[in-house]
Protein backbone atom coordinates (compact mmCIF):
# COMPACT_ATOMS: atom_id res chain seq x y z
CA MET A 1 95.61 120.27 102.41
CA GLN A 2 99.19 121.27 103.38
CA ILE A 3 99.56 118.21 105.66
CA VAL A 4 98.17 115.88 102.98
CA SER A 5 100.56 117.44 100.44
CA ILE A 6 103.50 116.63 102.71
CA ILE A 7 102.18 113.09 103.28
CA SER A 8 101.84 112.59 99.51
CA LEU A 9 105.53 113.39 98.98
CA VAL A 10 106.50 111.10 101.87
CA ILE A 11 104.46 108.26 100.34
CA LEU A 12 106.15 108.84 96.97
CA LEU A 13 109.56 108.58 98.64
CA ILE A 14 108.52 105.43 100.54
CA THR A 15 107.27 103.83 97.31
CA ILE A 16 110.55 104.48 95.51
CA VAL A 17 112.74 103.34 98.42
CA ILE A 18 110.79 100.10 99.02
CA GLY A 19 110.77 99.36 95.29
CA PHE A 20 114.52 99.88 94.98
CA VAL A 21 115.54 98.11 98.20
CA LYS A 22 113.07 95.20 98.21
CA LYS A 23 113.01 94.84 94.40
CA ILE A 24 109.21 94.93 94.30
CA ASN A 25 107.38 96.29 91.25
CA MET A 26 106.83 99.96 92.11
CA GLY A 27 103.63 100.03 90.08
CA VAL A 28 102.02 97.50 92.42
CA LEU A 29 103.24 99.44 95.47
CA ALA A 30 101.97 102.70 93.98
CA LEU A 31 98.49 101.25 93.42
CA GLY A 32 98.29 100.09 97.03
CA PHE A 33 99.57 103.37 98.46
CA SER A 34 97.19 105.32 96.18
CA LEU A 35 94.25 103.84 98.08
CA ILE A 36 95.72 104.95 101.43
CA LEU A 37 96.63 108.41 100.13
CA GLY A 38 93.22 108.79 98.50
CA TYR A 39 91.52 108.00 101.81
CA LEU A 40 93.66 110.55 103.66
CA GLY A 41 93.07 113.19 100.99
CA LYS A 42 89.36 112.39 100.64
CA VAL A 43 89.76 111.43 96.98
CA SER A 44 87.30 108.78 95.80
CA ALA A 45 88.43 105.54 94.19
CA SER A 46 86.80 106.57 90.91
CA ASN A 47 88.85 109.78 90.85
CA ILE A 48 92.01 107.84 91.69
CA ILE A 49 91.39 105.51 88.74
CA LYS A 50 91.03 108.54 86.45
CA GLY A 51 94.78 108.93 86.87
CA PHE A 52 95.30 105.81 84.72
CA ASN A 53 97.07 106.95 81.54
CA SER A 54 95.22 104.90 78.93
CA SER A 55 97.00 106.72 76.10
CA LEU A 56 100.45 105.67 77.35
CA PHE A 57 99.16 102.14 78.01
CA LEU A 58 97.92 101.77 74.41
CA MET A 59 101.11 103.37 73.12
CA LEU A 60 103.36 100.87 74.91
CA VAL A 61 101.20 97.86 74.05
CA GLY A 62 100.77 98.84 70.39
CA VAL A 63 104.41 99.64 69.71
CA SER A 64 105.58 96.52 71.60
CA ILE A 65 103.30 94.32 69.48
CA LEU A 66 104.40 95.87 66.16
CA PHE A 67 108.11 95.78 66.90
CA GLY A 68 107.75 92.35 68.51
CA ILE A 69 106.72 91.08 65.07
CA ALA A 70 109.68 92.92 63.52
CA GLN A 71 111.97 91.40 66.13
CA HIS A 72 110.79 87.82 65.65
CA ASN A 73 110.89 87.80 61.84
CA GLY A 74 114.42 89.23 61.83
CA THR A 75 113.64 92.66 60.37
CA LEU A 76 115.12 94.68 63.24
CA ASN A 77 118.20 92.49 63.44
CA LEU A 78 118.87 92.90 59.72
CA ILE A 79 118.44 96.69 59.89
CA VAL A 80 120.90 96.81 62.76
CA LYS A 81 123.45 94.68 60.90
CA LYS A 82 123.16 96.92 57.83
CA LEU A 83 123.70 100.05 59.92
CA ILE A 84 126.72 98.53 61.65
CA LYS A 85 128.15 97.47 58.29
CA LEU A 86 127.69 101.01 56.95
CA SER A 87 129.62 102.46 59.89
CA GLY A 88 132.62 100.31 58.95
CA LYS A 89 135.45 100.64 61.45
CA LYS A 90 134.11 103.93 62.86
CA ALA A 91 131.74 102.40 65.41
CA TRP A 92 132.32 105.40 67.71
CA LEU A 93 130.28 107.44 65.21
CA ILE A 94 127.13 105.34 65.69
CA PRO A 95 125.94 107.09 68.92
CA ILE A 96 126.50 110.49 67.27
CA LEU A 97 124.54 109.39 64.21
CA MET A 98 121.78 108.13 66.52
CA TYR A 99 121.42 111.66 67.90
CA PHE A 100 121.22 113.35 64.49
CA VAL A 101 119.08 110.73 62.72
CA ILE A 102 116.43 110.70 65.47
CA TYR A 103 116.71 114.52 65.71
CA PHE A 104 115.87 114.78 62.00
CA ILE A 105 112.94 112.33 62.23
CA ALA A 106 111.46 114.18 65.22
CA PHE A 107 112.15 117.59 63.59
CA LEU A 108 110.10 116.60 60.53
CA GLY A 109 107.05 116.42 62.80
CA ALA A 110 107.16 112.89 64.18
CA GLY A 111 107.65 114.41 67.63
CA THR A 112 109.40 113.28 70.78
CA ILE A 113 107.30 110.19 71.53
CA THR A 114 107.91 108.59 68.13
CA GLY A 115 111.59 109.48 68.45
CA PHE A 116 111.71 107.98 71.95
CA ALA A 117 110.24 104.74 70.61
CA LEU A 118 112.57 104.53 67.59
CA ALA A 119 115.65 105.28 69.72
CA ALA A 120 114.80 102.37 72.02
CA LEU A 121 113.61 99.94 69.35
CA PHE A 122 116.69 100.36 67.15
CA GLY A 123 119.27 101.42 69.74
CA ILE A 124 119.01 98.39 72.02
CA PRO A 125 119.28 95.65 69.33
CA MET A 126 122.20 97.60 67.83
CA ALA A 127 123.91 97.81 71.23
CA LYS A 128 123.40 94.07 71.70
CA GLU A 129 124.98 93.36 68.32
CA LEU A 130 127.96 95.59 69.20
CA ASP A 131 128.26 94.28 72.78
CA ALA A 132 127.82 97.91 73.84
CA ASP A 133 126.04 99.67 76.69
CA PRO A 134 122.37 99.76 75.57
CA PHE A 135 121.81 103.02 77.44
CA LEU A 136 124.52 104.75 75.39
CA LEU A 137 122.56 104.49 72.15
CA THR A 138 119.10 105.01 73.65
CA THR A 139 120.23 108.11 75.57
CA MET A 140 121.85 109.66 72.49
CA GLY A 141 118.82 108.85 70.35
CA GLN A 142 116.28 110.12 72.88
CA LEU A 143 118.21 113.36 73.40
CA GLY A 144 118.06 113.77 69.62
CA SER A 145 114.32 113.15 69.79
CA ILE A 146 113.92 115.92 72.37
CA GLY A 147 116.14 118.29 70.38
CA GLY A 148 114.21 117.80 67.15
CA GLY A 149 110.77 117.16 68.61
CA ILE A 150 110.28 120.43 70.49
CA VAL A 151 109.45 122.60 67.50
CA PRO A 152 106.33 124.70 66.74
CA TRP A 153 104.89 122.08 64.36
CA ALA A 154 105.38 118.98 66.56
CA PRO A 155 103.05 118.01 69.47
CA THR A 156 105.26 119.04 72.43
CA GLY A 157 106.15 122.37 70.84
CA ILE A 158 102.52 123.09 69.98
CA ILE A 159 101.45 122.38 73.57
CA GLY A 160 104.25 124.53 75.01
CA LEU A 161 103.44 127.54 72.82
CA GLU A 162 99.70 127.26 73.48
CA LEU A 163 100.25 127.12 77.25
CA ALA A 164 102.59 130.12 77.00
CA LYS A 165 99.99 132.07 75.04
CA ASN A 166 97.31 131.30 77.64
CA ALA A 167 99.69 132.42 80.42
CA ASN A 168 100.36 135.73 78.58
CA ILE A 169 104.02 134.88 78.08
CA THR A 170 105.41 136.97 75.23
CA GLY A 171 108.61 137.27 73.23
CA ASN A 172 110.34 135.41 70.42
CA LEU A 173 108.92 132.15 71.75
CA ALA A 174 109.08 129.78 68.76
CA ASN A 175 112.63 130.56 67.62
CA THR A 176 114.06 130.66 71.13
CA MET A 177 112.41 127.34 71.96
CA VAL A 178 113.96 125.62 68.92
CA LEU A 179 117.45 127.08 69.45
CA ASN A 180 117.59 126.59 73.22
CA THR A 181 116.36 123.01 72.93
CA PHE A 182 119.04 122.17 70.37
CA LEU A 183 121.75 123.79 72.52
CA ALA A 184 120.63 122.00 75.70
CA THR A 185 120.27 118.55 74.12
CA ALA A 186 123.51 118.84 72.13
CA PHE A 187 125.36 119.77 75.34
CA GLY A 188 123.68 116.86 77.14
CA ALA A 189 124.56 114.49 74.29
CA ILE A 190 128.25 115.48 74.43
CA ILE A 191 128.39 114.88 78.20
CA SER A 192 126.44 111.60 77.90
CA TYR A 193 128.69 110.41 75.06
CA ILE A 194 131.76 110.97 77.23
CA PHE A 195 130.17 109.66 80.46
CA LEU A 196 128.88 106.47 78.77
CA LYS A 197 132.20 106.03 76.91
CA GLY A 198 130.84 106.23 73.37
CA TYR A 199 134.38 106.95 72.11
CA LYS A 200 135.43 103.43 73.19
CA LEU A 201 132.87 101.70 70.96
CA LYS A 202 134.61 99.07 68.84
CA ALA A 203 133.68 97.95 65.34
CA LYS A 204 132.44 94.39 65.08
CA GLU A 205 133.36 92.08 62.25
CA LEU A 206 130.28 90.80 60.48
CA SER A 207 130.22 87.85 58.12
CA SER A 208 130.63 88.61 54.42
CA GLU A 209 127.12 87.32 53.73
CA VAL A 210 124.89 89.53 51.59
CA LEU A 211 122.34 91.19 53.84
CA LYS A 212 119.02 91.15 51.99
CA PHE A 213 115.48 91.55 53.28
CA ASN A 214 113.13 88.67 52.50
CA LYS A 215 109.48 89.16 51.51
CA LYS A 216 108.15 89.12 55.09
CA GLN A 217 110.78 91.60 56.22
CA LYS A 218 110.03 93.98 53.33
CA ILE A 219 106.33 93.94 54.26
CA THR A 220 107.28 94.63 57.89
CA LEU A 221 109.43 97.59 56.80
CA VAL A 222 106.46 99.02 54.88
CA GLY A 223 104.36 98.62 58.03
CA ILE A 224 106.91 100.47 60.20
CA LEU A 225 107.20 103.22 57.56
CA CYS A 226 103.40 103.57 57.51
CA MET A 227 103.43 103.95 61.30
CA VAL A 228 106.04 106.73 61.18
CA ILE A 229 104.24 108.57 58.34
CA GLY A 230 100.85 108.20 60.03
CA VAL A 231 102.13 109.70 63.27
CA ALA A 232 104.34 112.40 61.71
CA PHE A 233 102.06 113.72 58.98
CA PHE A 234 98.51 112.66 59.89
CA ASN A 235 98.71 113.02 63.69
CA LEU A 236 97.41 109.46 64.24
CA ASN A 237 97.70 107.80 67.65
CA ILE A 238 100.91 105.76 67.60
CA GLY A 239 99.48 103.01 69.84
CA LEU A 240 96.25 102.39 67.94
CA LEU A 241 97.99 102.71 64.56
CA SER A 242 100.66 100.20 65.61
CA ILE A 243 97.95 97.73 66.66
CA LEU A 244 96.13 98.16 63.32
CA ILE A 245 99.33 97.60 61.34
CA SER A 246 100.17 94.58 63.53
CA ILE A 247 96.77 93.02 62.75
CA ILE A 248 97.41 93.48 59.02
CA LEU A 249 100.87 91.91 59.34
CA ILE A 250 99.43 88.93 61.23
CA LEU A 251 96.72 88.46 58.58
CA LEU A 252 99.44 88.54 55.91
CA LYS A 253 101.27 85.83 57.91
CA VAL A 254 104.29 88.09 58.41
CA GLY A 255 104.12 87.35 62.13
CA THR A 256 102.00 85.38 64.58
CA GLU A 257 99.60 86.52 67.28
CA LYS A 258 101.53 84.49 69.88
CA GLU A 259 104.83 86.22 69.03
CA ALA A 260 103.19 89.64 68.98
CA LEU A 261 101.42 89.36 72.34
CA GLY A 262 104.42 87.62 73.88
CA SER A 263 106.47 90.72 73.14
CA VAL A 264 104.43 92.97 75.42
CA PRO A 265 106.41 93.70 78.63
CA TRP A 266 103.50 93.58 81.07
CA ASN A 267 105.77 93.95 84.11
CA THR A 268 107.06 97.29 82.84
CA ILE A 269 103.62 98.49 81.78
CA LEU A 270 102.21 97.70 85.24
CA LEU A 271 105.06 99.70 86.79
CA ILE A 272 104.43 102.74 84.56
CA SER A 273 100.64 102.60 84.97
CA GLY A 274 100.74 102.24 88.76
CA MET A 275 103.24 105.06 89.25
CA GLY A 276 101.23 107.23 86.86
CA ILE A 277 98.11 106.83 89.02
CA LEU A 278 100.04 107.68 92.20
CA MET A 279 101.68 110.74 90.59
CA ASP A 280 98.34 111.99 89.30
CA LEU A 281 96.95 111.74 92.83
CA ILE A 282 99.97 113.58 94.26
CA VAL A 283 99.42 116.38 91.73
CA LYS A 284 95.73 116.57 92.74
CA LEU A 285 96.76 116.89 96.39
CA ASP A 286 99.19 119.73 95.56
CA GLY A 287 102.24 117.68 96.51
CA ILE A 288 104.15 118.86 93.45
CA LYS A 289 103.17 122.49 94.03
CA LEU A 290 104.54 122.16 97.55
CA LEU A 291 107.80 120.82 96.13
CA ALA A 292 107.97 123.72 93.66
CA ASP A 293 107.27 126.24 96.44
CA ILE A 294 110.12 124.81 98.51
CA LEU A 295 112.47 125.14 95.54
CA SER A 296 111.32 128.73 94.87
CA LEU A 297 112.72 129.74 98.26
CA PHE A 298 116.19 129.39 96.73
CA MET A 299 115.42 131.44 93.59
CA ASN A 300 116.87 134.79 92.55
CA GLU A 301 117.41 136.41 89.16
CA LYS A 302 120.58 134.36 88.56
CA THR A 303 119.24 130.99 89.69
CA VAL A 304 115.53 131.20 88.80
CA ALA A 305 115.86 129.58 85.35
CA ALA A 306 118.10 126.74 86.56
CA ILE A 307 115.92 125.99 89.60
CA LEU A 308 112.75 126.15 87.49
CA ALA A 309 114.36 123.67 85.08
CA LEU A 310 115.40 121.41 87.97
CA SER A 311 111.97 121.45 89.63
CA SER A 312 110.31 120.72 86.27
CA GLY A 313 112.77 117.88 85.78
CA ILE A 314 112.01 116.35 89.17
CA LEU A 315 108.29 116.33 88.41
CA SER A 316 108.86 114.85 84.96
CA LEU A 317 110.85 111.94 86.40
CA PHE A 318 107.52 110.40 87.40
CA SER A 319 104.98 111.91 85.01
CA SER A 320 104.27 113.16 81.50
CA THR A 321 106.18 116.25 80.35
CA SER A 322 103.48 117.61 78.04
CA GLY A 323 100.53 116.16 79.97
CA VAL A 324 101.47 117.09 83.55
CA VAL A 325 104.66 119.14 83.91
CA MET A 326 104.21 121.81 81.26
CA PRO A 327 100.55 122.53 82.14
CA THR A 328 101.57 122.71 85.83
CA MET A 329 104.77 124.77 85.58
CA ILE A 330 104.34 127.12 82.59
CA PRO A 331 101.38 129.03 84.12
CA THR A 332 103.53 129.76 87.21
CA ILE A 333 106.11 131.74 85.19
CA PRO A 334 104.37 135.17 85.31
CA ARG A 335 103.76 134.75 89.06
CA ILE A 336 107.40 133.84 89.70
CA ILE A 337 108.59 136.87 87.70
CA GLU A 338 106.25 139.14 89.67
CA THR A 339 107.14 137.62 93.06
CA LEU A 340 110.89 137.93 92.48
CA GLY A 341 110.57 141.37 90.85
CA ILE A 342 112.60 140.35 87.80
CA ALA A 343 110.33 141.68 85.02
CA GLY A 344 112.55 143.12 82.29
CA VAL A 345 115.60 141.42 83.81
CA VAL A 346 114.88 137.75 83.08
CA PRO A 347 112.84 137.19 79.87
CA SER A 348 109.71 135.07 80.32
CA ALA A 349 110.67 133.25 77.09
CA LEU A 350 113.89 132.11 78.79
CA LEU A 351 111.91 130.67 81.71
CA LEU A 352 109.60 128.95 79.20
CA SER A 353 112.67 127.28 77.67
CA ALA A 354 113.86 126.37 81.17
CA VAL A 355 110.60 124.53 81.96
CA ILE A 356 110.48 122.72 78.61
CA ASN A 357 114.17 121.77 78.53
CA GLY A 358 114.33 120.95 82.22
CA SER A 359 111.39 118.57 82.06
CA SER A 360 112.03 116.91 78.69
CA PRO A 361 115.22 114.90 79.45
CA SER A 362 113.47 113.50 82.53
CA GLY A 363 111.06 111.88 80.08
CA MET A 364 113.84 109.31 79.63
CA SER A 365 113.15 108.13 83.20
CA PRO A 366 112.02 104.48 83.45
CA LEU A 367 108.90 105.84 85.14
CA SER A 368 108.10 108.11 82.19
CA THR A 369 107.40 107.61 78.47
CA GLY A 370 110.92 107.46 77.03
CA GLY A 371 112.33 105.24 79.74
CA ALA A 372 109.28 102.99 79.56
CA PHE A 373 110.09 102.29 75.90
CA VAL A 374 113.70 101.56 76.84
CA MET A 375 112.86 99.14 79.66
CA ALA A 376 110.21 97.43 77.54
CA THR A 377 112.65 96.92 74.65
CA LEU A 378 115.42 95.87 77.01
CA SER A 379 113.16 93.15 78.46
CA GLU A 380 112.39 91.94 74.95
CA ASN A 381 116.03 91.73 73.82
CA TYR A 382 117.76 90.49 76.97
CA GLU A 383 116.76 87.67 79.30
CA LEU A 384 116.86 89.60 82.56
CA THR A 385 116.28 88.21 86.04
CA ASN A 386 114.26 90.37 88.45
CA GLU A 387 117.53 91.47 90.05
CA GLU A 388 119.09 92.41 86.70
CA PHE A 389 115.94 94.27 85.66
CA SER A 390 115.99 96.20 88.93
CA SER A 391 119.67 97.05 88.43
CA LYS A 392 119.05 98.30 84.88
CA PHE A 393 116.03 100.25 86.08
CA LYS A 394 118.10 102.05 88.72
CA ARG A 395 120.93 102.77 86.30
CA LEU A 396 118.59 104.31 83.74
CA PHE A 397 117.07 106.40 86.52
CA TYR A 398 120.54 107.68 87.48
CA ILE A 399 121.44 108.46 83.85
CA THR A 400 118.19 110.40 83.51
CA MET A 401 118.95 112.37 86.67
CA LEU A 402 122.41 113.13 85.29
CA ASN A 403 120.84 114.64 82.16
CA MET A 404 118.35 116.56 84.30
CA PHE A 405 121.20 118.19 86.24
CA ILE A 406 123.19 118.76 83.02
CA VAL A 407 120.39 120.99 81.69
CA ALA A 408 120.14 122.94 84.96
CA ILE A 409 123.93 123.47 85.04
CA PHE A 410 123.96 124.43 81.35
CA ILE A 411 121.37 127.13 82.06
CA LEU A 412 123.18 128.25 85.21
CA ILE A 413 126.47 128.82 83.35
CA GLY A 414 124.69 130.91 80.71
CA GLY A 415 123.92 128.34 78.03
CA PHE A 416 120.73 130.18 77.07
CA SER A 417 122.37 133.62 77.06
CA PHE A 418 123.27 133.39 73.36
CA THR A 419 119.62 133.55 72.36
CA LYS A 420 117.69 136.70 71.38
CA TYR A 421 114.42 136.70 73.33
CA MET A 422 112.68 139.77 71.89
């Protein structure tokens, strides 16, 4: 298995390099390489196909259809214009407001995924209207989503605490998770704001026309509000609910089926789905465990939290934080503490925060949920050539890696030392 684990990581690297250099859809490459890797690892085709993330697929399709209707009937554009008008001449405040508004929505229980979607769906049209960097607003909004969405009553927080309980991790878990997540994302947002030059954002003069929603747009707003409420308070699947609301809007002649289906970014969805299948196979073949073991060689009591965050972040670049990374990494915490002999020195609750906060910003990767929303919305709002799409894809990947390292550095310099763990 060790040889196959090494081969799996080599194939992952080859897939990424070929995709970047040759500008070929990595999802297609991943599907082809999955067959080869499955043969070498003696994994059947049926088990390979089980790696298809149908939940993410429905999520992307459903949300794209709903907000495609909102895009075509002018609802999103009007919301964006109203928000820009409200900001007046202080356009530099908009990215900061994006962080706190999405933080609040996610904190109420909507969770990180809904926040990821809203940050992309509102951030990119707003950036286009302001002639700004689209990744500035989406990054700030998605960091806010992570900060507010990892709480004990939202999906990611619930999963994290349950996994910690099953792994016999004790301490002041809930409170430390909330505080550490806010500290890490706020620090990341400050660095991202400076790095992406949010302070240079200029106000844009809008016409003096009265901005009013028409009947179709008001109905669309009600539909979007129903989606947010359904996900936040009734725990409904965002993808299926978005499709249901879209059907109702089409029947009410608020949008058309052609516009709705034409808004689905199939190229991006194929990329995400294909890479998801390959990553699932690599996890099955212990490729990620091998990577974590290599990183553990560099751990000691001072670096263990930062390296654990970094290794969790690397895994989350290509897979689901709550579905793959947390279930893989959180159970290893007691073993790491025992192996390094740091019981009573480094709190297990701190390492729990390291895993959660290290992996979550990587969810903004174009190969993961948050980045998938960004690339899908980008494709809908900008007419991108394959070369331009590839360039944007790489840039988002680099920005995500920057945030991944920001968290690790923040932990390394003692960012989590202000928290009481017992």
